[in-house]
Protein backbone atom coordinates (compact mmCIF):
# COMPACT_ATOMS: atom_id res chain seq x y z
CA MET A 1 0.00 0.00 0.00
CA ASN A 2 1.42 3.39 -1.00
CA LYS A 3 0.31 5.41 2.01
CA LYS A 4 1.90 8.61 0.73
CA ARG A 5 -0.08 8.52 -2.53
CA LEU A 6 -3.29 7.55 -0.71
CA LEU A 7 -2.96 10.45 1.74
CA GLN A 8 -2.16 12.86 -1.08
CA LEU A 9 -5.26 11.62 -2.88
CA ALA A 10 -7.38 12.10 0.26
CA ASP A 11 -6.14 15.69 0.58
CA ILE A 12 -6.87 16.44 -3.08
CA VAL A 13 -10.35 14.93 -2.98
CA GLU A 14 -11.24 16.61 0.31
CA ASN A 15 -10.48 20.04 -1.16
CA GLN A 16 -12.87 19.63 -4.11
CA ILE A 17 -16.30 21.15 -4.36
CA HIS A 18 -19.14 18.62 -4.32
CA SER A 19 -20.40 18.61 -7.89
CA LEU A 20 -23.98 17.37 -7.99
CA SER A 21 -24.31 17.46 -11.77
CA PHE A 22 -22.42 15.87 -14.63
CA PHE A 23 -22.70 19.19 -16.41
CA ASP A 24 -20.57 20.99 -13.81
CA SER A 25 -17.11 21.52 -15.25
CA SER A 26 -15.21 20.61 -12.10
CA GLY A 27 -15.57 19.17 -8.64
CA PHE A 28 -16.05 15.77 -7.10
CA ASN A 29 -18.80 13.35 -8.14
CA MET A 30 -18.52 9.57 -7.71
CA ARG A 31 -20.94 8.84 -10.59
CA TYR A 32 -18.44 9.81 -13.29
CA VAL A 33 -14.73 9.22 -13.87
CA GLN A 34 -14.36 12.59 -15.56
CA HIS A 35 -16.46 15.58 -16.51
CA ASP A 36 -17.23 16.42 -20.16
CA CYS A 37 -14.39 18.94 -20.17
CA GLY A 38 -11.89 16.24 -19.19
CA THR A 39 -11.36 17.26 -15.57
CA PRO A 40 -11.41 14.44 -13.01
CA SER A 41 -14.62 13.70 -11.17
CA CYS A 42 -14.39 10.60 -8.95
CA ILE A 43 -11.63 8.90 -6.99
CA ALA A 44 -10.44 7.06 -10.10
CA GLY A 45 -10.43 10.31 -12.08
CA PHE A 46 -8.21 12.01 -9.53
CA VAL A 47 -5.87 9.00 -9.48
CA LEU A 48 -5.59 9.19 -13.27
CA GLU A 49 -4.80 12.90 -12.99
CA GLN A 50 -2.20 12.34 -10.24
CA SER A 51 -0.50 9.64 -12.28
CA GLU A 52 -0.70 11.79 -15.43
CA LEU A 53 -2.37 8.96 -17.31
CA LYS A 54 -4.82 10.07 -19.97
CA TRP A 55 -8.35 8.68 -19.76
CA ASP A 56 -9.19 6.09 -22.37
CA ASP A 57 -12.74 4.73 -22.59
CA SER A 58 -11.35 1.26 -23.24
CA MET A 59 -9.30 1.26 -20.04
CA TYR A 60 -10.50 -0.56 -16.98
CA TYR A 61 -9.51 2.20 -14.60
CA THR A 62 -9.52 0.10 -11.41
CA ASN A 63 -6.49 -1.83 -12.70
CA HIS A 64 -4.57 1.42 -12.88
CA VAL A 65 -5.88 2.60 -9.49
CA ALA A 66 -4.70 -0.65 -7.89
CA GLU A 67 -1.27 -0.37 -9.47
CA TYR A 68 -0.75 3.36 -8.77
CA LEU A 69 -1.91 3.17 -5.13
CA ASP A 70 -0.31 -0.26 -4.60
CA ILE A 71 -3.53 -1.81 -3.31
CA SER A 72 -5.31 -5.01 -4.28
CA HIS A 73 -7.59 -4.99 -7.30
CA GLU A 74 -10.49 -5.85 -4.99
CA ASP A 75 -9.75 -2.80 -2.80
CA ALA A 76 -9.49 -0.61 -5.90
CA ILE A 77 -12.93 -1.78 -7.01
CA ARG A 78 -14.39 -1.16 -3.53
CA LEU A 79 -12.79 2.30 -3.47
CA CYS A 80 -13.97 3.33 -6.95
CA GLU A 81 -17.29 1.50 -7.03
CA PRO A 82 -18.68 1.62 -3.46
CA SER A 83 -20.81 -1.51 -3.11
CA ASP A 84 -21.83 -0.40 0.41
CA ILE A 85 -23.89 2.36 -1.25
CA GLU A 86 -26.48 1.91 -3.99
CA ARG A 87 -25.18 3.22 -7.33
CA ARG A 88 -28.02 5.74 -7.62
CA PHE A 89 -26.68 7.44 -4.48
CA TRP A 90 -23.03 7.62 -5.58
CA GLN A 91 -23.39 11.28 -6.60
CA ASP A 92 -24.39 12.02 -2.98
CA ILE A 93 -20.97 10.92 -1.69
CA THR A 94 -19.21 14.06 -0.53
CA PRO A 95 -15.52 14.84 -0.91
CA SER A 96 -15.27 14.61 2.87
CA GLN A 97 -16.75 11.09 2.92
CA ALA A 98 -14.42 9.96 0.15
CA ALA A 99 -11.37 11.41 1.92
CA LYS A 100 -12.39 9.68 5.17
CA THR A 101 -12.76 6.38 3.30
CA ILE A 102 -9.29 6.75 1.78
CA ARG A 103 -7.77 7.62 5.17
CA ARG A 104 -9.59 4.69 6.79
CA LEU A 105 -7.95 2.43 4.19
CA VAL A 106 -4.54 3.79 5.20
CA ASP A 107 -5.28 3.37 8.91
CA THR A 108 -7.05 -0.02 8.87
CA GLY A 109 -6.24 -1.64 5.54
CA GLU A 110 -9.98 -1.82 4.82
CA VAL A 111 -12.19 0.01 2.33
CA LYS A 112 -15.41 0.74 4.15
CA TRP A 113 -17.84 3.39 2.94
CA ILE A 114 -20.10 4.98 5.50
CA ARG A 115 -22.79 7.44 4.56
CA GLU A 116 -22.79 10.48 6.83
């Protein structure tokens, strides 16, 4: 586990505005990897930006997230696709919640999403 990269990611995500619409040009929204303008949107989007990898629709982004953050593929999926929360509520996940989830992973080794 690359704790330094995870904590940097948590800090970046936490400082985003909570974008509630896909049509917003920036901010954090777990429903989308990136906004129409190409800016990152979700955890995976910010990882792609940090790693300077360009988004490719054919890419399975969780493979890259796992490699870049040095976590298991299963943890990358749980981090990017929160199964604890119904998909229709993913856009309600705040930057603060996402940052807490990332920090919990660093502290406990477990990805556990909790709705505030």
